Structures are given as structure tokens and as C-alpha cells.
Amino acid sequence: MKVLTVVGARPQFIKSFPVTRALQPDHDEVLVHTGQHYDQELSDVFFEELDLRVPDHNLGVGSSTHAVQTGEMMRRLDPIVAAEAPDVILLYGDTNSTIAGALVGANRDTTVAHVEAGLRSGERSMPEEINRIVTDHVADVLCTPCEAATRNLEREGIADRASETGDVMYDAIKWADRIAHRESDIVERLGVDDDPFVLATVHRPRNTDDPDRLNAIVEALLQAPAPVVFPVHPRTEAALRDQNRWAAVAEGLECTDPVGYLDFVRLLDGAQRVVTDSGGVQKEAFFLETPCVTLREETEWTETVQHGWNALVGAGTERILDAIAAPFDAPAHPQPYGDGSAAERIVEVLATE
């Protein structure tokens, strides 16, 4: 079996490497990097840390609007698919790279497979929601991470293409947590190894591009009852500088450049709380049993909320502070996302198509 894997954004690098390892013994893989994330700290470092080979093709698309970026990805990806003639185009998540690969594959005689199929936030104003819905409806193989995702596909009438494989991010985090504790010294370098700290990430346009929301989030972080470690996304730093808030944030928080995956896993595992607007971080926090405060009004990872490990607070200063400071009595920690062997199951599903 020849698989053409399309990745382009930070979380997809993480999701792809367990499947790449599961493919290696018996199958061929062609790796295409769209260049959707092109910053050195947000892409190349992941190939180095996760011991991934250099992509066979790099489209070098870079940043632009949803329409322009997706269209350019399709234009550059289509001749590669034609030349490589894969049996399967393998896609991850809900980015513009995902939908571009899905639309190219749908117009060629190639099986399109979607990992993380069936996730729904119910918020169609988010580009990610449209991307994942469209991808699911054009894909031939749908690998769902959990029962709720499978039920979503049932409601949409496409569950006949679904296989509940579990979540590849659980595979990745189990490996990374072991390595991070051995190799990462970031908590020592930042001086937070002995005291409780809060980890924060903010990158979604809904929060960074709305001055009121961003200011409310910043105020909460500045008033947090414990030191806040804040790896700053380039988009967030630019917005803070535009709003003349960067100096206060840089002085009041432990700001760092974006960190590599192993360093981030070490921080996430060591944090007392994580405050984030990232879908992937919500789930990684759940895997590492770190309570999460989510700067959104909805989530695709509903199980993390239902089981008491995630609080959806939006962007209100008081709600964020209350959630950070709230006592946490650890509830039971079930495994709704499988047992950490999703990659092998995904390869088995692909090989039977």
C-alpha cells in the first residue's frame, strides 16, 4: 500500500508520527508538507524532535486567507498526487491542509482517509468546523477517535464509512511524556520546577483578533494566583504589540518563544493548570491529567468537560480567574479516546480498503 500523507500545521506533525511508524514495516509513505505553518519554531523543530524524515514534497504555501491558501494548496498538491499515484491520501484534523487534500483526492481515483473524523463543535463560524464537516463528507474512510465522533457521523448519515480507532494523539503523548521527562530541562531553565505554575497558550483568531477578548484574557493571566508560563504564538505577539499590551505582558508573565513538542509536553505535565484556546492542548491536558481552562464557549472534545477535567469559560476575566483558582478534586479518569494503539488500528483499516 502506498500512502500519501498531507501535513501542514503544528498538531498534524504530532498526529502523523505514530501512524508513520506503524506504516513503516510493510507500506510505503510519501510525506507532503503544505507549508501552512512555515515558521521555524512551528514546523521544522517537530521533524527533528519526533525523528521524522524530511518531507518528500514541501509546497511552501505559507500564510494567506482561507480561500487563497486552500486554493494554492490544491493547485500545488494536485500534480503531486497525479505523479505519485497513491492508494490512499491520508489527512489529519481540520486545517486548510486537510480540506485541500480532501478536495484534491475526491477528484481523483484515490481513497481519501480522514483521521479525527466526526468531531463537531457546533460552531460553524469557526473555519475548522467547516473544514472537518466537508472533509468527512468527501472522504472514503473515516477514522474516529471516540464514540461521540462516531455518533456525529451516524446523525449525518455517513457512519458506514467510519471505524472507531481511538486517538493518535494519545499514542503520541504516551511516547512523548516518557522522553520529555528524560530529555527536557525547560522547567528548570524557566525556574518553575519547584513551585506551582500555570501554562497558557492563546492563538485562535477569535481571541487574538478581538481586542476586547484578548485584553480580558491578558488581564486574567496577569492576575493569576500562580506564575504563568506563556509560550507566545507569533500571531498573539503581533496583536499584543498592535494593542500596546506587549510590554505589560512581557513584564508580568514568563513569556517564551514557541517551544518544541517535548518541552511543551514537559510544561503541560508539570503545570497546575493549563489555560488555552487550542483543541489539541485540551486533549493533551486530559491525557496528562492536568486540569484545563478553555478560552472558548464550545469544544469538540466534549468528553473532557463531561468527565470534569476541562472548564469552558470563554474570554471573561473573572470567569477565567475563578476557574484557575478553583480547588480541583481529581475525578475518575476514564479512557474515552482508546488505549494508545490507534495508529496500528488506522493502518489496519487503510490496508483493508
Protein backbone atom coordinates (compact mmCIF):
# COMPACT_ATOMS: atom_id res chain seq x y z
CA MET A 1 0.00 0.00 0.00
CA LYS A 2 1.24 3.46 -0.92
CA VAL A 3 0.03 6.26 1.35
CA LEU A 4 0.39 9.96 0.61
CA THR A 5 0.20 11.86 3.91
CA VAL A 6 -0.60 15.57 3.92
CA VAL A 7 0.53 17.66 6.92
CA GLY A 8 0.87 21.38 7.28
CA ALA A 9 0.23 22.61 10.81
CA ARG A 10 1.77 22.00 14.21
CA PRO A 11 -0.77 19.47 15.57
CA GLN A 12 -0.64 17.41 12.39
CA PHE A 13 3.07 16.75 12.82
CA ILE A 14 2.29 15.26 16.20
CA LYS A 15 -0.65 13.19 14.98
CA SER A 16 1.19 11.79 11.97
CA PHE A 17 4.34 10.35 13.52
CA PRO A 18 2.74 7.35 15.32
CA VAL A 19 0.99 6.37 12.08
CA THR A 20 4.20 6.84 10.09
CA ARG A 21 5.92 4.41 12.45
CA ALA A 22 3.07 1.93 12.12
CA LEU A 23 3.23 2.15 8.31
CA GLN A 24 7.00 1.69 8.01
CA PRO A 25 7.34 -2.10 8.27
CA ASP A 26 5.02 -3.07 5.42
CA HIS A 27 3.91 0.01 3.49
CA ASP A 28 5.27 2.99 1.56
CA GLU A 29 4.56 6.55 2.65
CA VAL A 30 5.02 9.81 0.76
CA LEU A 31 5.05 12.81 3.09
CA VAL A 32 3.77 16.15 1.79
CA HIS A 33 4.24 19.29 3.90
CA THR A 34 1.99 22.08 2.62
CA GLY A 35 3.92 24.81 4.41
CA GLN A 36 0.77 26.10 6.10
CA HIS A 37 2.92 26.64 9.22
CA TYR A 38 6.21 27.89 7.89
CA ASP A 39 7.83 29.42 10.99
CA GLN A 40 10.97 27.52 12.04
CA GLU A 41 9.71 27.12 15.62
CA LEU A 42 6.34 25.82 14.44
CA SER A 43 7.38 23.21 11.91
CA ASP A 44 11.00 22.12 11.35
CA VAL A 45 11.60 21.55 15.06
CA PHE A 46 8.92 18.87 15.09
CA PHE A 47 10.57 16.84 12.35
CA GLU A 48 13.79 16.94 14.36
CA GLU A 49 12.28 16.09 17.76
CA LEU A 50 10.00 13.33 16.53
CA ASP A 51 12.67 11.85 14.27
CA LEU A 52 10.57 12.31 11.16
CA ARG A 53 12.26 12.24 7.79
CA VAL A 54 12.39 15.35 5.66
CA PRO A 55 9.13 15.64 3.67
CA ASP A 56 9.25 14.25 0.16
CA HIS A 57 7.44 17.37 -1.05
CA ASN A 58 7.17 20.83 0.51
CA LEU A 59 4.54 23.02 -1.13
CA GLY A 60 5.78 26.16 0.62
CA VAL A 61 2.36 27.77 0.58
CA GLY A 62 2.73 29.98 3.67
CA SER A 63 0.12 32.22 5.21
CA SER A 64 -2.85 33.81 3.46
CA THR A 65 -6.64 33.94 3.62
CA HIS A 66 -8.59 30.71 3.90
CA ALA A 67 -9.64 30.79 0.25
CA VAL A 68 -6.27 31.78 -1.20
CA GLN A 69 -4.29 29.39 0.97
CA THR A 70 -6.59 26.43 0.32
CA GLY A 71 -6.72 27.11 -3.41
CA GLU A 72 -2.95 27.40 -3.67
CA MET A 73 -2.51 24.15 -1.75
CA MET A 74 -4.86 22.39 -4.16
CA ARG A 75 -3.05 23.81 -7.19
CA ARG A 76 0.33 22.59 -5.94
CA LEU A 77 -0.85 19.29 -4.48
CA ASP A 78 -2.84 18.01 -7.47
CA PRO A 79 0.13 17.30 -9.78
CA ILE A 80 1.97 15.57 -6.94
CA VAL A 81 -0.97 13.24 -6.37
CA ALA A 82 -1.09 12.56 -10.10
CA ALA A 83 2.64 11.76 -10.23
CA GLU A 84 2.79 9.69 -7.03
CA ALA A 85 -0.43 7.76 -7.73
CA PRO A 86 -1.01 6.74 -4.08
CA ASP A 87 -3.55 4.17 -2.99
CA VAL A 88 -4.59 6.40 -0.08
CA ILE A 89 -4.42 10.11 0.70
CA LEU A 90 -4.18 10.36 4.48
CA LEU A 91 -5.38 13.54 6.20
CA TYR A 92 -5.42 14.73 9.80
CA GLY A 93 -7.61 17.14 11.75
CA ASP A 94 -9.35 20.23 10.45
CA THR A 95 -6.91 22.67 8.86
CA ASN A 96 -6.82 24.18 5.38
CA SER A 97 -4.25 21.49 4.53
CA THR A 98 -6.87 18.87 5.43
CA ILE A 99 -9.63 20.22 3.24
CA ALA A 100 -7.25 20.89 0.36
CA GLY A 101 -6.10 17.27 0.41
CA ALA A 102 -9.67 16.04 0.65
CA LEU A 103 -10.86 18.04 -2.36
CA VAL A 104 -7.88 17.04 -4.48
CA GLY A 105 -8.30 13.38 -3.57
CA ALA A 106 -12.06 13.46 -4.17
CA ASN A 107 -11.46 14.46 -7.78
CA ARG A 108 -9.01 11.63 -8.44
CA ASP A 109 -9.33 7.86 -8.26
CA THR A 110 -7.72 7.75 -4.83
CA THR A 111 -9.08 6.65 -1.46
CA VAL A 112 -9.27 9.62 0.92
CA ALA A 113 -8.90 8.79 4.63
CA HIS A 114 -9.55 11.26 7.46
CA VAL A 115 -8.06 10.80 10.92
CA GLU A 116 -10.03 12.58 13.69
CA ALA A 117 -13.23 12.25 11.70
CA GLY A 118 -16.59 13.04 13.25
CA LEU A 119 -15.54 15.82 15.61
CA ARG A 120 -18.05 18.65 15.86
CA SER A 121 -18.02 21.81 17.98
CA GLY A 122 -21.39 23.04 16.72
CA GLU A 123 -19.84 26.43 15.93
CA ARG A 124 -19.96 26.98 12.17
CA SER A 125 -18.35 30.41 12.45
CA MET A 126 -15.06 28.56 13.05
CA PRO A 127 -13.24 27.70 9.79
CA GLU A 128 -12.11 24.45 11.40
CA GLU A 129 -15.71 23.28 11.78
CA ILE A 130 -16.43 23.77 8.08
CA ASN A 131 -13.15 22.10 7.14
CA ARG A 132 -13.88 18.98 9.19
CA ILE A 133 -17.50 18.67 8.01
CA VAL A 134 -16.60 18.99 4.33
CA THR A 135 -13.64 16.62 4.69
CA ASP A 136 -15.80 13.96 6.36
CA HIS A 137 -18.41 14.15 3.64
CA VAL A 138 -15.96 13.73 0.75
CA ALA A 139 -13.66 11.18 2.41
CA ASP A 140 -13.95 7.44 1.80
CA VAL A 141 -12.51 6.26 5.14
CA LEU A 142 -13.36 7.95 8.44
CA CYS A 143 -11.21 7.10 11.48
CA THR A 144 -12.97 8.42 14.57
CA PRO A 145 -11.19 9.00 17.88
CA CYS A 146 -14.14 8.34 20.19
CA GLU A 147 -17.76 7.19 20.47
CA ALA A 148 -19.16 10.74 20.36
CA ALA A 149 -17.45 11.36 17.00
CA THR A 150 -18.90 8.14 15.62
CA ARG A 151 -22.38 9.19 16.75
CA ASN A 152 -21.98 12.51 14.96
CA LEU A 153 -21.31 10.66 11.72
CA GLU A 154 -24.36 8.46 12.33
CA ARG A 155 -26.51 11.58 12.61
CA GLU A 156 -25.08 12.85 9.34
CA GLY A 157 -25.71 9.54 7.56
CA ILE A 158 -22.09 8.64 6.80
CA ALA A 159 -21.21 6.21 9.60
CA ASP A 160 -20.97 3.35 7.10
CA ARG A 161 -17.52 4.73 6.24
CA ALA A 162 -16.41 5.04 9.87
CA SER A 163 -14.10 2.96 12.04
CA GLU A 164 -13.60 3.89 15.69
CA THR A 165 -9.84 3.60 16.03
CA GLY A 166 -9.09 5.71 19.10
CA ASP A 167 -7.00 8.85 19.14
CA VAL A 168 -3.48 9.01 17.67
CA MET A 169 -2.64 11.91 19.97
CA TYR A 170 -2.86 9.51 22.88
CA ASP A 171 -0.31 7.32 21.12
CA ALA A 172 1.94 10.35 20.66
CA ILE A 173 1.63 11.75 24.17
CA LYS A 174 2.41 8.41 25.83
CA TRP A 175 5.70 8.28 23.93
CA ALA A 176 6.49 11.98 24.30
CA ASP A 177 5.86 12.17 28.05
CA ARG A 178 8.44 9.46 28.74
CA ILE A 179 11.03 11.13 26.51
CA ALA A 180 10.28 14.65 27.77
CA HIS A 181 10.91 13.74 31.39
CA ARG A 182 14.27 12.33 30.38
CA GLU A 183 15.44 14.95 27.88
CA SER A 184 13.68 18.28 28.54
CA ASP A 185 15.04 20.69 31.14
CA ILE A 186 12.62 23.52 30.36
CA VAL A 187 11.03 23.71 33.83
CA GLU A 188 14.50 24.11 35.33
CA ARG A 189 15.53 26.69 32.73
CA LEU A 190 12.40 28.75 33.42
CA GLY A 191 12.77 28.36 37.17
CA VAL A 192 9.34 26.80 37.71
CA ASP A 193 10.44 23.34 38.78
CA ASP A 194 9.76 23.83 42.49
CA ASP A 195 6.54 25.87 42.62
CA PRO A 196 3.03 25.57 41.13
CA PHE A 197 2.64 27.36 37.80
CA VAL A 198 0.01 27.93 35.13
CA LEU A 199 0.72 27.22 31.45
CA ALA A 200 -1.09 29.41 28.92
CA THR A 201 -1.49 29.28 25.13
CA VAL A 202 -3.55 31.69 23.04
CA HIS A 203 -3.58 31.59 19.26
CA ARG A 204 -7.08 31.39 17.77
CA PRO A 205 -8.07 34.40 15.64
CA ARG A 206 -11.32 34.75 17.57
CA ASN A 207 -9.26 35.62 20.66
CA THR A 208 -6.22 37.31 19.13
CA ASP A 209 -8.09 39.50 16.62
CA ASP A 210 -10.76 40.74 19.01
CA PRO A 211 -9.19 43.43 21.24
CA ASP A 212 -11.81 43.04 23.96
CA ARG A 213 -11.38 39.28 24.20
CA LEU A 214 -7.59 39.45 24.11
CA ASN A 215 -7.47 42.18 26.75
CA ALA A 216 -9.79 40.21 29.05
CA ILE A 217 -7.62 37.11 28.69
CA VAL A 218 -4.43 39.09 29.34
CA GLU A 219 -5.92 40.69 32.46
CA ALA A 220 -6.81 37.26 33.83
CA LEU A 221 -3.32 35.90 33.18
CA LEU A 222 -1.70 38.94 34.78
CA GLN A 223 -3.84 38.47 37.91
CA ALA A 224 -3.43 34.69 38.10
CA PRO A 225 -2.62 33.34 41.60
CA ALA A 226 0.47 31.49 40.35
CA PRO A 227 3.26 32.31 37.87
CA VAL A 228 2.14 31.97 34.26
CA VAL A 229 4.40 30.42 31.62
CA PHE A 230 3.29 31.79 28.25
CA PRO A 231 4.81 30.41 25.02
CA VAL A 232 3.72 33.21 22.71
CA HIS A 233 2.38 32.44 19.25
CA PRO A 234 3.60 34.95 16.60
CA ARG A 235 0.01 35.98 15.85
CA THR A 236 -0.63 36.70 19.52
CA GLU A 237 2.55 38.71 19.96
CA ALA A 238 1.71 40.82 16.91
CA ALA A 239 -1.79 41.51 18.26
CA LEU A 240 -0.45 42.45 21.70
CA ARG A 241 2.06 44.83 20.14
CA ASP A 242 -0.66 46.41 17.99
CA GLN A 243 -2.74 46.98 21.13
CA ASN A 244 0.23 48.32 23.13
CA ARG A 245 -0.11 45.47 25.64
CA TRP A 246 3.12 43.63 24.89
CA ALA A 247 5.28 45.44 27.45
CA ALA A 248 2.90 44.64 30.32
CA VAL A 249 2.59 41.00 29.24
CA ALA A 250 6.34 40.57 28.84
CA GLU A 251 6.92 42.03 32.29
CA GLY A 252 4.11 40.26 34.13
CA LEU A 253 4.28 36.75 32.63
CA GLU A 254 7.07 34.25 31.94
CA CYS A 255 6.95 34.72 28.16
CA THR A 256 8.89 32.43 25.85
CA ASP A 257 9.10 31.85 22.14
CA PRO A 258 7.03 28.89 20.90
CA VAL A 259 8.61 25.75 22.35
CA GLY A 260 9.27 22.36 20.84
CA TYR A 261 6.92 19.47 21.39
CA LEU A 262 8.90 17.70 24.09
CA ASP A 263 9.40 20.93 26.05
CA PHE A 264 5.70 21.68 25.74
CA VAL A 265 4.72 18.23 26.96
CA ARG A 266 7.04 18.66 29.95
CA LEU A 267 5.45 22.03 30.78
CA LEU A 268 1.94 20.67 30.34
CA ASP A 269 2.64 17.69 32.57
CA GLY A 270 4.17 19.89 35.27
CA ALA A 271 1.56 22.66 35.27
CA GLN A 272 -1.03 23.11 37.99
CA ARG A 273 -3.50 24.32 35.33
CA VAL A 274 -3.37 24.99 31.61
CA VAL A 275 -5.27 27.93 30.12
CA THR A 276 -5.73 27.53 26.37
CA ASP A 277 -7.88 28.04 23.29
CA SER A 278 -6.30 25.07 21.50
CA GLY A 279 -8.31 21.95 20.77
CA GLY A 280 -5.23 19.75 20.83
CA VAL A 281 -3.96 21.13 24.13
CA GLN A 282 -7.33 20.44 25.80
CA LYS A 283 -6.96 16.80 24.87
CA GLU A 284 -3.27 16.53 25.72
CA ALA A 285 -4.01 18.03 29.12
CA PHE A 286 -6.68 15.38 29.64
CA PHE A 287 -4.22 12.61 28.73
CA LEU A 288 -1.65 14.01 31.18
CA GLU A 289 -4.28 14.61 33.89
CA THR A 290 -3.70 18.37 34.00
CA PRO A 291 -6.89 20.41 34.66
CA CYS A 292 -7.73 22.63 31.70
CA VAL A 293 -9.35 26.07 31.46
CA THR A 294 -10.53 26.62 27.87
CA LEU A 295 -10.87 30.13 26.45
CA ARG A 296 -13.77 29.14 24.22
CA GLU A 297 -17.51 28.72 24.59
CA GLU A 298 -17.55 25.30 22.92
CA THR A 299 -15.29 22.32 22.33
CA GLU A 300 -15.07 19.35 20.03
CA TRP A 301 -13.65 17.36 22.94
CA THR A 302 -16.86 17.13 24.94
CA GLU A 303 -15.66 14.16 26.98
CA THR A 304 -13.02 16.29 28.68
CA VAL A 305 -15.79 18.56 30.00
CA GLN A 306 -18.21 15.76 30.87
CA HIS A 307 -15.59 14.00 32.98
CA GLY A 308 -14.67 17.15 34.91
CA TRP A 309 -11.18 17.83 33.55
CA ASN A 310 -11.99 20.84 31.35
CA ALA A 311 -13.88 24.10 32.06
CA LEU A 312 -15.22 26.16 29.16
CA VAL A 313 -15.01 29.79 30.29
CA GLY A 314 -14.87 31.93 27.15
CA ALA A 315 -12.93 35.17 27.41
CA GLY A 316 -14.26 36.82 30.55
CA THR A 317 -11.60 37.88 33.04
CA GLU A 318 -13.50 36.88 36.17
CA ARG A 319 -14.58 33.50 34.81
CA ILE A 320 -11.02 32.70 33.78
CA LEU A 321 -9.65 33.70 37.19
CA ASP A 322 -12.34 31.73 39.03
CA ALA A 323 -11.54 28.62 37.00
CA ILE A 324 -7.78 28.96 37.56
CA ALA A 325 -8.23 29.39 41.31
CA ALA A 326 -10.97 26.80 41.84
CA PRO A 327 -9.99 23.82 44.03
CA PHE A 328 -9.62 20.67 41.98
CA ASP A 329 -10.53 17.28 43.36
CA ALA A 330 -9.46 14.88 40.67
CA PRO A 331 -12.44 12.90 39.41
CA ALA A 332 -12.16 9.45 37.88
CA HIS A 333 -10.07 9.47 34.71
CA PRO A 334 -11.64 7.22 32.05
CA GLN A 335 -10.23 6.44 28.60
CA PRO A 336 -12.80 7.63 26.05
CA TYR A 337 -10.10 8.02 23.38
CA GLY A 338 -8.81 4.47 23.29
CA ASP A 339 -5.80 2.73 24.80
CA GLY A 340 -2.90 4.34 22.94
CA SER A 341 -2.75 1.96 19.97
CA ALA A 342 -4.80 3.97 17.47
CA ALA A 343 -2.01 4.14 14.88
CA GLU A 344 -1.92 0.38 14.40
CA ARG A 345 -5.71 0.29 14.08
CA ILE A 346 -5.67 3.08 11.48
CA VAL A 347 -3.12 1.20 9.37
CA GLU A 348 -5.24 -1.95 9.60
CA VAL A 349 -8.29 -0.03 8.39
CA LEU A 350 -6.38 1.52 5.48
CA ALA A 351 -4.92 -1.83 4.42
CA THR A 352 -8.39 -3.35 4.06
CA GLU A 353 -9.68 -0.65 1.70
